[in-house]
Amino acid sequence: MAARTPSEPCGEPVPFTFDGRTLTAGPGQSVAAALWAAGILAWRTTRHGGRPRGAFCGIGHCHDCLATIDGRPNLRACLVPVRPGTEVTTQEGHGHGTPGA
């Protein structure tokens, strides 16, 4: 049996979707970490200018990683763990509704 490298997740892959594309995450991985691991570095655009944004601080302090997750806009992707069937969509601008509502 080959040794596992530190970058390889242990446990069963967790399926989720991003903009309709099926991806997998490691158990306990945040949405932001799983997207980065899949090579996706941006999942939000700014209100003014439509500039791409993704993870910045990684600890939930800033708002760059906001995403629409399971239909809920303005969730910090760096704080939300991927669960089987999680649906993540690119968020344009500030999203709709109240953050976390």
PDB file of N, CA and C in Angstrom:
ATOM      1  N   MET A   1       0.850  -1.184   0.000  1.00  0.00           N
ATOM      2  CA  MET A   1       0.000   0.000   0.000  1.00  0.00           C
ATOM      3  C   MET A   1       0.887   1.236   0.000  1.00  0.00           C
ATOM      4  N   ALA A   2       0.617   2.153  -0.905  1.00  0.00           N
ATOM      5  CA  ALA A   2       1.415   3.373  -1.025  1.00  0.00           C
ATOM      6  C   ALA A   2       1.070   4.335   0.113  1.00  0.00           C
ATOM      7  N   ALA A   3       2.069   5.070   0.552  1.00  0.00           N
ATOM      8  CA  ALA A   3       1.854   6.055   1.612  1.00  0.00           C
ATOM      9  C   ALA A   3       1.063   7.240   1.064  1.00  0.00           C
ATOM     10  N   ARG A   4       0.225   7.794   1.898  1.00  0.00           N
ATOM     11  CA  ARG A   4      -0.569   8.964   1.534  1.00  0.00           C
ATOM     12  C   ARG A   4       0.282  10.211   1.716  1.00  0.00           C
ATOM     13  N   THR A   5       0.223  11.127   0.750  1.00  0.00           N
ATOM     14  CA  THR A   5       0.941  12.393   0.892  1.00  0.00           C
ATOM     15  C   THR A   5       0.072  13.359   1.684  1.00  0.00           C
ATOM     16  N   PRO A   6       0.664  14.364   2.334  1.00  0.00           N
ATOM     17  CA  PRO A   6      -0.123  15.298   3.147  1.00  0.00           C
ATOM     18  C   PRO A   6      -1.220  16.029   2.376  1.00  0.00           C
ATOM     19  N   SER A   7      -1.062  16.206   1.070  1.00  0.00           N
ATOM     20  CA  SER A   7      -2.070  16.926   0.299  1.00  0.00           C
ATOM     21  C   SER A   7      -3.252  16.060  -0.105  1.00  0.00           C
ATOM     22  N   GLU A   8      -3.154  14.750   0.075  1.00  0.00           N
ATOM     23  CA  GLU A   8      -4.254  13.854  -0.283  1.00  0.00           C
ATOM     24  C   GLU A   8      -5.240  13.745   0.875  1.00  0.00           C
ATOM     25  N   PRO A   9      -6.532  13.991   0.602  1.00  0.00           N
ATOM     26  CA  PRO A   9      -7.514  13.849   1.678  1.00  0.00           C
ATOM     27  C   PRO A   9      -7.670  12.385   2.072  1.00  0.00           C
ATOM     28  N   CYS A  10      -7.953  12.151   3.345  1.00  0.00           N
ATOM     29  CA  CYS A  10      -8.220  10.782   3.769  1.00  0.00           C
ATOM     30  C   CYS A  10      -9.728  10.622   3.901  1.00  0.00           C
ATOM     31  N   GLY A  11     -10.220   9.453   3.630  1.00  0.00           N
ATOM     32  CA  GLY A  11     -11.655   9.203   3.684  1.00  0.00           C
ATOM     33  C   GLY A  11     -12.274   9.235   2.304  1.00  0.00           C
ATOM     34  N   GLU A  12     -13.559   8.988   2.275  1.00  0.00           N
ATOM     35  CA  GLU A  12     -14.297   8.926   1.015  1.00  0.00           C
ATOM     36  C   GLU A  12     -14.509  10.321   0.437  1.00  0.00           C
ATOM     37  N   PRO A  13     -14.382  10.474  -0.896  1.00  0.00           N
ATOM     38  CA  PRO A  13     -14.655  11.752  -1.539  1.00  0.00           C
ATOM     39  C   PRO A  13     -16.115  12.166  -1.332  1.00  0.00           C
ATOM     40  N   VAL A  14     -16.333  13.459  -1.219  1.00  0.00           N
ATOM     41  CA  VAL A  14     -17.675  14.007  -1.014  1.00  0.00           C
ATOM     42  C   VAL A  14     -18.097  14.710  -2.304  1.00  0.00           C
ATOM     43  N   PRO A  15     -19.138  14.211  -2.985  1.00  0.00           N
ATOM     44  CA  PRO A  15     -19.571  14.840  -4.233  1.00  0.00           C
ATOM     45  C   PRO A  15     -20.355  16.127  -3.978  1.00  0.00           C
ATOM     46  N   PHE A  16     -20.092  17.129  -4.822  1.00  0.00           N
ATOM     47  CA  PHE A  16     -20.848  18.376  -4.788  1.00  0.00           C
ATOM     48  C   PHE A  16     -20.816  18.965  -6.185  1.00  0.00           C
ATOM     49  N   THR A  17     -21.603  20.028  -6.420  1.00  0.00           N
ATOM     50  CA  THR A  17     -21.596  20.645  -7.740  1.00  0.00           C
ATOM     51  C   THR A  17     -21.205  22.112  -7.633  1.00  0.00           C
ATOM     52  N   PHE A  18     -20.552  22.590  -8.687  1.00  0.00           N
ATOM     53  CA  PHE A  18     -20.238  24.009  -8.837  1.00  0.00           C
ATOM     54  C   PHE A  18     -20.705  24.425 -10.221  1.00  0.00           C
ATOM     55  N   ASP A  19     -21.655  25.336 -10.255  1.00  0.00           N
ATOM     56  CA  ASP A  19     -22.238  25.796 -11.519  1.00  0.00           C
ATOM     57  C   ASP A  19     -22.626  24.618 -12.412  1.00  0.00           C
ATOM     58  N   GLY A  20     -23.204  23.576 -11.805  1.00  0.00           N
ATOM     59  CA  GLY A  20     -23.693  22.416 -12.530  1.00  0.00           C
ATOM     60  C   GLY A  20     -22.648  21.353 -12.826  1.00  0.00           C
ATOM     61  N   ARG A  21     -21.409  21.629 -12.535  1.00  0.00           N
ATOM     62  CA  ARG A  21     -20.308  20.678 -12.786  1.00  0.00           C
ATOM     63  C   ARG A  21     -20.063  19.854 -11.526  1.00  0.00           C
ATOM     64  N   THR A  22     -20.035  18.533 -11.651  1.00  0.00           N
ATOM     65  CA  THR A  22     -19.820  17.670 -10.495  1.00  0.00           C
ATOM     66  C   THR A  22     -18.338  17.625 -10.127  1.00  0.00           C
ATOM     67  N   LEU A  23     -18.064  17.869  -8.843  1.00  0.00           N
ATOM     68  CA  LEU A  23     -16.705  17.845  -8.295  1.00  0.00           C
ATOM     69  C   LEU A  23     -16.709  16.995  -7.039  1.00  0.00           C
ATOM     70  N   THR A  24     -15.544  16.754  -6.476  1.00  0.00           N
ATOM     71  CA  THR A  24     -15.468  16.063  -5.188  1.00  0.00           C
ATOM     72  C   THR A  24     -14.570  16.847  -4.250  1.00  0.00           C
ATOM     73  N   ALA A  25     -14.866  16.688  -2.966  1.00  0.00           N
ATOM     74  CA  ALA A  25     -14.085  17.312  -1.905  1.00  0.00           C
ATOM     75  C   ALA A  25     -13.619  16.231  -0.952  1.00  0.00           C
ATOM     76  N   GLY A  26     -12.625  16.549  -0.173  1.00  0.00           N
ATOM     77  CA  GLY A  26     -12.211  15.654   0.895  1.00  0.00           C
ATOM     78  C   GLY A  26     -13.144  15.833   2.076  1.00  0.00           C
ATOM     79  N   PRO A  27     -13.287  14.823   2.920  1.00  0.00           N
ATOM     80  CA  PRO A  27     -14.148  14.938   4.099  1.00  0.00           C
ATOM     81  C   PRO A  27     -13.720  16.120   4.967  1.00  0.00           C
ATOM     82  N   GLY A  28     -14.676  16.970   5.318  1.00  0.00           N
ATOM     83  CA  GLY A  28     -14.397  18.117   6.181  1.00  0.00           C
ATOM     84  C   GLY A  28     -13.840  19.332   5.469  1.00  0.00           C
ATOM     85  N   GLN A  29     -13.596  19.246   4.171  1.00  0.00           N
ATOM     86  CA  GLN A  29     -13.056  20.378   3.433  1.00  0.00           C
ATOM     87  C   GLN A  29     -14.093  21.474   3.298  1.00  0.00           C
ATOM     88  N   SER A  30     -13.632  22.725   3.360  1.00  0.00           N
ATOM     89  CA  SER A  30     -14.535  23.841   3.128  1.00  0.00           C
ATOM     90  C   SER A  30     -14.827  23.938   1.634  1.00  0.00           C
ATOM     91  N   VAL A  31     -15.890  24.646   1.302  1.00  0.00           N
ATOM     92  CA  VAL A  31     -16.230  24.858  -0.098  1.00  0.00           C
ATOM     93  C   VAL A  31     -15.064  25.547  -0.809  1.00  0.00           C
ATOM     94  N   ALA A  32     -14.495  26.573  -0.192  1.00  0.00           N
ATOM     95  CA  ALA A  32     -13.379  27.298  -0.811  1.00  0.00           C
ATOM     96  C   ALA A  32     -12.191  26.377  -1.062  1.00  0.00           C
ATOM     97  N   ALA A  33     -11.820  25.557  -0.087  1.00  0.00           N
ATOM     98  CA  ALA A  33     -10.679  24.645  -0.252  1.00  0.00           C
ATOM     99  C   ALA A  33     -10.947  23.635  -1.357  1.00  0.00           C
ATOM    100  N   ALA A  34     -12.169  23.126  -1.427  1.00  0.00           N
ATOM    101  CA  ALA A  34     -12.509  22.147  -2.454  1.00  0.00           C
ATOM    102  C   ALA A  34     -12.476  22.780  -3.844  1.00  0.00           C
ATOM    103  N   LEU A  35     -12.951  24.024  -3.957  1.00  0.00           N
ATOM    104  CA  LEU A  35     -12.913  24.703  -5.248  1.00  0.00           C
ATOM    105  C   LEU A  35     -11.466  24.970  -5.669  1.00  0.00           C
ATOM    106  N   TRP A  36     -10.648  25.419  -4.751  1.00  0.00           N
ATOM    107  CA  TRP A  36      -9.224  25.651  -5.060  1.00  0.00           C
ATOM    108  C   TRP A  36      -8.568  24.355  -5.498  1.00  0.00           C
ATOM    109  N   ALA A  37      -8.854  23.267  -4.803  1.00  0.00           N
ATOM    110  CA  ALA A  37      -8.260  21.971  -5.152  1.00  0.00           C
ATOM    111  C   ALA A  37      -8.659  21.537  -6.561  1.00  0.00           C
ATOM    112  N   ALA A  38      -9.837  21.992  -7.013  1.00  0.00           N
ATOM    113  CA  ALA A  38     -10.318  21.659  -8.357  1.00  0.00           C
ATOM    114  C   ALA A  38      -9.812  22.661  -9.404  1.00  0.00           C
ATOM    115  N   GLY A  39      -8.998  23.617  -8.960  1.00  0.00           N
ATOM    116  CA  GLY A  39      -8.455  24.607  -9.888  1.00  0.00           C
ATOM    117  C   GLY A  39      -9.355  25.802 -10.129  1.00  0.00           C
ATOM    118  N   ILE A  40     -10.403  25.942  -9.331  1.00  0.00           N
ATOM    119  CA  ILE A  40     -11.337  27.057  -9.473  1.00  0.00           C
ATOM    120  C   ILE A  40     -10.952  28.108  -8.433  1.00  0.00           C
ATOM    121  N   LEU A  41     -10.490  29.259  -8.895  1.00  0.00           N
ATOM    122  CA  LEU A  41      -9.969  30.281  -7.986  1.00  0.00           C
ATOM    123  C   LEU A  41     -10.924  31.444  -7.761  1.00  0.00           C
ATOM    124  N   ALA A  42     -12.005  31.520  -8.529  1.00  0.00           N
ATOM    125  CA  ALA A  42     -12.979  32.606  -8.365  1.00  0.00           C
ATOM    126  C   ALA A  42     -14.385  32.052  -8.486  1.00  0.00           C
ATOM    127  N   TRP A  43     -15.287  32.532  -7.607  1.00  0.00           N
ATOM    128  CA  TRP A  43     -16.687  32.086  -7.637  1.00  0.00           C
ATOM    129  C   TRP A  43     -17.632  33.210  -7.259  1.00  0.00           C
ATOM    130  N   ARG A  44     -17.152  34.436  -7.366  1.00  0.00           N
ATOM    131  CA  ARG A  44     -17.993  35.616  -7.145  1.00  0.00           C
ATOM    132  C   ARG A  44     -17.460  36.721  -8.037  1.00  0.00           C
ATOM    133  N   THR A  45     -18.354  37.623  -8.454  1.00  0.00           N
ATOM    134  CA  THR A  45     -17.915  38.812  -9.167  1.00  0.00           C
ATOM    135  C   THR A  45     -18.344  40.034  -8.363  1.00  0.00           C
ATOM    136  N   THR A  46     -17.586  41.114  -8.504  1.00  0.00           N
ATOM    137  CA  THR A  46     -17.886  42.326  -7.748  1.00  0.00           C
ATOM    138  C   THR A  46     -19.104  43.042  -8.330  1.00  0.00           C
ATOM    139  N   ARG A  47     -19.763  43.837  -7.474  1.00  0.00           N
ATOM    140  CA  ARG A  47     -20.936  44.616  -7.908  1.00  0.00           C
ATOM    141  C   ARG A  47     -20.567  45.589  -9.010  1.00  0.00           C
ATOM    142  N   HIS A  48     -19.437  46.249  -8.849  1.00  0.00           N
ATOM    143  CA  HIS A  48     -18.999  47.257  -9.800  1.00  0.00           C
ATOM    144  C   HIS A  48     -17.830  46.704 -10.606  1.00  0.00           C
ATOM    145  N   GLY A  49     -18.043  46.532 -11.860  1.00  0.00           N
ATOM    146  CA  GLY A  49     -16.979  46.079 -12.743  1.00  0.00           C
ATOM    147  C   GLY A  49     -16.944  44.587 -12.993  1.00  0.00           C
ATOM    148  N   GLY A  50     -17.679  43.801 -12.216  1.00  0.00           N
ATOM    149  CA  GLY A  50     -17.730  42.357 -12.433  1.00  0.00           C
ATOM    150  C   GLY A  50     -16.389  41.657 -12.320  1.00  0.00           C
ATOM    151  N   ARG A  51     -15.513  42.151 -11.427  1.00  0.00           N
ATOM    152  CA  ARG A  51     -14.195  41.534 -11.262  1.00  0.00           C
ATOM    153  C   ARG A  51     -14.312  40.231 -10.474  1.00  0.00           C
ATOM    154  N   PRO A  52     -13.543  39.215 -10.857  1.00  0.00           N
ATOM    155  CA  PRO A  52     -13.632  37.910 -10.178  1.00  0.00           C
ATOM    156  C   PRO A  52     -13.040  37.951  -8.769  1.00  0.00           C
ATOM    157  N   ARG A  53     -13.655  37.213  -7.870  1.00  0.00           N
ATOM    158  CA  ARG A  53     -13.171  37.094  -6.491  1.00  0.00           C
ATOM    159  C   ARG A  53     -13.276  35.643  -6.048  1.00  0.00           C
ATOM    160  N   GLY A  54     -12.426  35.268  -5.095  1.00  0.00           N
ATOM    161  CA  GLY A  54     -12.437  33.929  -4.515  1.00  0.00           C
ATOM    162  C   GLY A  54     -11.966  34.044  -3.078  1.00  0.00           C
ATOM    163  N   ALA A  55     -11.194  33.095  -2.613  1.00  0.00           N
ATOM    164  CA  ALA A  55     -10.695  33.131  -1.234  1.00  0.00           C
ATOM    165  C   ALA A  55      -9.603  34.192  -1.109  1.00  0.00           C
ATOM    166  N   PHE A  56      -9.623  34.919  -0.005  1.00  0.00           N
ATOM    167  CA  PHE A  56      -8.580  35.907   0.274  1.00  0.00           C
ATOM    168  C   PHE A  56      -7.977  35.617   1.643  1.00  0.00           C
ATOM    169  N   CYS A  57      -8.767  35.798   2.702  1.00  0.00           N
ATOM    170  CA  CYS A  57      -8.205  35.609   4.048  1.00  0.00           C
ATOM    171  C   CYS A  57      -8.281  34.152   4.503  1.00  0.00           C
ATOM    172  N   GLY A  58      -9.316  33.440   4.080  1.00  0.00           N
ATOM    173  CA  GLY A  58      -9.466  32.032   4.436  1.00  0.00           C
ATOM    174  C   GLY A  58      -9.930  31.768   5.850  1.00  0.00           C
ATOM    175  N   ILE A  59     -10.274  32.819   6.612  1.00  0.00           N
ATOM    176  CA  ILE A  59     -10.703  32.620   7.997  1.00  0.00           C
ATOM    177  C   ILE A  59     -12.056  33.256   8.302  1.00  0.00           C
ATOM    178  N   GLY A  60     -12.769  33.690   7.259  1.00  0.00           N
ATOM    179  CA  GLY A  60     -14.105  34.235   7.452  1.00  0.00           C
ATOM    180  C   GLY A  60     -14.167  35.693   7.824  1.00  0.00           C
ATOM    181  N   HIS A  61     -13.050  36.401   7.751  1.00  0.00           N
ATOM    182  CA  HIS A  61     -13.038  37.812   8.148  1.00  0.00           C
ATOM    183  C   HIS A  61     -13.459  38.733   7.003  1.00  0.00           C
ATOM    184  N   CYS A  62     -13.007  38.445   5.800  1.00  0.00           N
ATOM    185  CA  CYS A  62     -13.341  39.308   4.665  1.00  0.00           C
ATOM    186  C   CYS A  62     -14.607  38.790   3.980  1.00  0.00           C
ATOM    187  N   HIS A  63     -14.940  39.368   2.853  1.00  0.00           N
ATOM    188  CA  HIS A  63     -16.136  38.928   2.124  1.00  0.00           C
ATOM    189  C   HIS A  63     -15.817  38.498   0.691  1.00  0.00           C
ATOM    190  N   ASP A  64     -14.560  38.313   0.372  1.00  0.00           N
ATOM    191  CA  ASP A  64     -14.210  37.960  -1.002  1.00  0.00           C
ATOM    192  C   ASP A  64     -14.726  36.588  -1.419  1.00  0.00           C
ATOM    193  N   CYS A  65     -14.868  35.649  -0.492  1.00  0.00           N
ATOM    194  CA  CYS A  65     -15.254  34.286  -0.872  1.00  0.00           C
ATOM    195  C   CYS A  65     -16.758  34.040  -0.837  1.00  0.00           C
ATOM    196  N   LEU A  66     -17.557  35.101  -0.770  1.00  0.00           N
ATOM    197  CA  LEU A  66     -19.006  34.900  -0.739  1.00  0.00           C
ATOM    198  C   LEU A  66     -19.465  34.091  -1.951  1.00  0.00           C
ATOM    199  N   ALA A  67     -20.377  33.168  -1.697  1.00  0.00           N
ATOM    200  CA  ALA A  67     -20.924  32.328  -2.757  1.00  0.00           C
ATOM    201  C   ALA A  67     -22.375  32.015  -2.440  1.00  0.00           C
ATOM    202  N   THR A  68     -23.086  31.555  -3.429  1.00  0.00           N
ATOM    203  CA  THR A  68     -24.429  31.048  -3.208  1.00  0.00           C
ATOM    204  C   THR A  68     -24.288  29.539  -3.032  1.00  0.00           C
ATOM    205  N   ILE A  69     -24.643  29.070  -1.849  1.00  0.00           N
ATOM    206  CA  ILE A  69     -24.482  27.661  -1.498  1.00  0.00           C
ATOM    207  C   ILE A  69     -25.844  27.103  -1.109  1.00  0.00           C
ATOM    208  N   ASP A  70     -26.258  26.078  -1.819  1.00  0.00           N
ATOM    209  CA  ASP A  70     -27.576  25.467  -1.607  1.00  0.00           C
ATOM    210  C   ASP A  70     -28.691  26.511  -1.649  1.00  0.00           C
ATOM    211  N   GLY A  71     -28.566  27.447  -2.598  1.00  0.00           N
ATOM    212  CA  GLY A  71     -29.591  28.464  -2.798  1.00  0.00           C
ATOM    213  C   GLY A  71     -29.514  29.645  -1.849  1.00  0.00           C
ATOM    214  N   ARG A  72     -28.594  29.634  -0.918  1.00  0.00           N
ATOM    215  CA  ARG A  72     -28.453  30.723   0.058  1.00  0.00           C
ATOM    216  C   ARG A  72     -27.295  31.628  -0.359  1.00  0.00           C
ATOM    217  N   PRO A  73     -27.578  32.896  -0.687  1.00  0.00           N
ATOM    218  CA  PRO A  73     -26.513  33.795  -1.127  1.00  0.00           C
ATOM    219  C   PRO A  73     -25.675  34.305   0.045  1.00  0.00           C
ATOM    220  N   ASN A  74     -24.522  34.850  -0.291  1.00  0.00           N
ATOM    221  CA  ASN A  74     -23.665  35.566   0.651  1.00  0.00           C
ATOM    222  C   ASN A  74     -23.091  34.707   1.774  1.00  0.00           C
ATOM    223  N   LEU A  75     -22.868  33.425   1.514  1.00  0.00           N
ATOM    224  CA  LEU A  75     -22.228  32.575   2.516  1.00  0.00           C
ATOM    225  C   LEU A  75     -20.728  32.561   2.266  1.00  0.00           C
ATOM    226  N   ARG A  76     -19.953  32.592   3.331  1.00  0.00           N
ATOM    227  CA  ARG A  76     -18.495  32.565   3.204  1.00  0.00           C
ATOM    228  C   ARG A  76     -18.042  31.136   2.901  1.00  0.00           C
ATOM    229  N   ALA A  77     -17.554  30.939   1.684  1.00  0.00           N
ATOM    230  CA  ALA A  77     -17.168  29.609   1.223  1.00  0.00           C
ATOM    231  C   ALA A  77     -16.026  29.024   2.037  1.00  0.00           C
ATOM    232  N   CYS A  78     -15.238  29.877   2.680  1.00  0.00           N
ATOM    233  CA  CYS A  78     -14.120  29.369   3.480  1.00  0.00           C
ATOM    234  C   CYS A  78     -14.587  28.774   4.803  1.00  0.00           C
ATOM    235  N   LEU A  79     -15.825  29.044   5.194  1.00  0.00           N
ATOM    236  CA  LEU A  79     -16.345  28.551   6.477  1.00  0.00           C
ATOM    237  C   LEU A  79     -17.363  27.427   6.340  1.00  0.00           C
ATOM    238  N   VAL A  80     -17.901  27.237   5.150  1.00  0.00           N
ATOM    239  CA  VAL A  80     -18.957  26.237   4.955  1.00  0.00           C
ATOM    240  C   VAL A  80     -18.339  24.912   4.518  1.00  0.00           C
ATOM    241  N   PRO A  81     -18.546  23.844   5.297  1.00  0.00           N
ATOM    242  CA  PRO A  81     -18.017  22.541   4.880  1.00  0.00           C
ATOM    243  C   PRO A  81     -18.850  21.945   3.751  1.00  0.00           C
ATOM    244  N   VAL A  82     -18.190  21.240   2.863  1.00  0.00           N
ATOM    245  CA  VAL A  82     -18.894  20.540   1.787  1.00  0.00           C
ATOM    246  C   VAL A  82     -19.579  19.324   2.392  1.00  0.00           C
ATOM    247  N   ARG A  83     -20.844  19.152   2.047  1.00  0.00           N
ATOM    248  CA  ARG A  83     -21.605  17.972   2.432  1.00  0.00           C
ATOM    249  C   ARG A  83     -22.047  17.295   1.141  1.00  0.00           C
ATOM    250  N   PRO A  84     -22.346  16.015   1.181  1.00  0.00           N
ATOM    251  CA  PRO A  84     -22.798  15.351  -0.041  1.00  0.00           C
ATOM    252  C   PRO A  84     -23.976  16.090  -0.676  1.00  0.00           C
ATOM    253  N   GLY A  85     -23.837  16.401  -1.957  1.00  0.00           N
ATOM    254  CA  GLY A  85     -24.914  17.071  -2.680  1.00  0.00           C
ATOM    255  C   GLY A  85     -24.931  18.583  -2.576  1.00  0.00           C
ATOM    256  N   THR A  86     -23.961  19.184  -1.896  1.00  0.00           N
ATOM    257  CA  THR A  86     -23.905  20.644  -1.810  1.00  0.00           C
ATOM    258  C   THR A  86     -23.888  21.227  -3.214  1.00  0.00           C
ATOM    259  N   GLU A  87     -24.686  22.276  -3.428  1.00  0.00           N
ATOM    260  CA  GLU A  87     -24.728  22.959  -4.717  1.00  0.00           C
ATOM    261  C   GLU A  87     -24.179  24.373  -4.543  1.00  0.00           C
ATOM    262  N   VAL A  88     -23.093  24.652  -5.249  1.00  0.00           N
ATOM    263  CA  VAL A  88     -22.450  25.960  -5.189  1.00  0.00           C
ATOM    264  C   VAL A  88     -22.606  26.618  -6.548  1.00  0.00           C
ATOM    265  N   THR A  89     -23.009  27.895  -6.537  1.00  0.00           N
ATOM    266  CA  THR A  89     -23.113  28.636  -7.789  1.00  0.00           C
ATOM    267  C   THR A  89     -22.364  29.948  -7.673  1.00  0.00           C
ATOM    268  N   THR A  90     -21.822  30.392  -8.804  1.00  0.00           N
ATOM    269  CA  THR A  90     -21.139  31.679  -8.847  1.00  0.00           C
ATOM    270  C   THR A  90     -22.121  32.763  -8.444  1.00  0.00           C
ATOM    271  N   GLN A  91     -21.671  33.666  -7.610  1.00  0.00           N
ATOM    272  CA  GLN A  91     -22.509  34.768  -7.160  1.00  0.00           C
ATOM    273  C   GLN A  91     -22.092  36.034  -7.876  1.00  0.00           C
ATOM    274  N   GLU A  92     -23.045  36.683  -8.508  1.00  0.00           N
ATOM    275  CA  GLU A  92     -22.773  37.931  -9.196  1.00  0.00           C
ATOM    276  C   GLU A  92     -23.120  39.092  -8.284  1.00  0.00           C
ATOM    277  N   GLY A  93     -22.136  39.964  -8.050  1.00  0.00           N
ATOM    278  CA  GLY A  93     -22.364  41.123  -7.195  1.00  0.00           C
ATOM    279  C   GLY A  93     -22.608  40.723  -5.761  1.00  0.00           C
ATOM    280  N   HIS A  94     -23.569  41.374  -5.143  1.00  0.00           N
ATOM    281  CA  HIS A  94     -23.827  41.131  -3.720  1.00  0.00           C
ATOM    282  C   HIS A  94     -24.823  40.030  -3.465  1.00  0.00           C
ATOM    283  N   GLY A  95     -25.281  39.353  -4.493  1.00  0.00           N
ATOM    284  CA  GLY A  95     -26.275  38.306  -4.293  1.00  0.00           C
ATOM    285  C   GLY A  95     -27.613  38.923  -3.948  1.00  0.00           C
ATOM    286  N   HIS A  96     -28.491  38.136  -3.435  1.00  0.00           N
ATOM    287  CA  HIS A  96     -29.809  38.624  -3.041  1.00  0.00           C
ATOM    288  C   HIS A  96     -30.096  38.133  -1.642  1.00  0.00           C
ATOM    289  N   GLY A  97     -30.885  38.864  -0.919  1.00  0.00           N
ATOM    290  CA  GLY A  97     -31.246  38.439   0.428  1.00  0.00           C
ATOM    291  C   GLY A  97     -30.240  38.900   1.456  1.00  0.00           C
ATOM    292  N   THR A  98     -30.362  38.352   2.636  1.00  0.00           N
ATOM    293  CA  THR A  98     -29.526  38.710   3.765  1.00  0.00           C
ATOM    294  C   THR A  98     -28.431  37.691   3.941  1.00  0.00           C
ATOM    295  N   PRO A  99     -27.180  38.134   4.227  1.00  0.00           N
ATOM    296  CA  PRO A  99     -26.108  37.154   4.426  1.00  0.00           C
ATOM    297  C   PRO A  99     -26.491  36.121   5.471  1.00  0.00           C
ATOM    298  N   GLY A 100     -26.322  34.865   5.125  1.00  0.00           N
ATOM    299  CA  GLY A 100     -26.569  33.787   6.067  1.00  0.00           C
ATOM    300  C   GLY A 100     -28.017  33.490   6.336  1.00  0.00           C
ATOM    301  N   ALA A 101     -28.939  34.217   5.681  1.00  0.00           N
ATOM    302  CA  ALA A 101     -30.369  34.009   5.949  1.00  0.00           C
ATOM    303  C   ALA A 101     -30.913  32.866   5.140  1.00  0.00           C
TER     304      ALA A 101
END
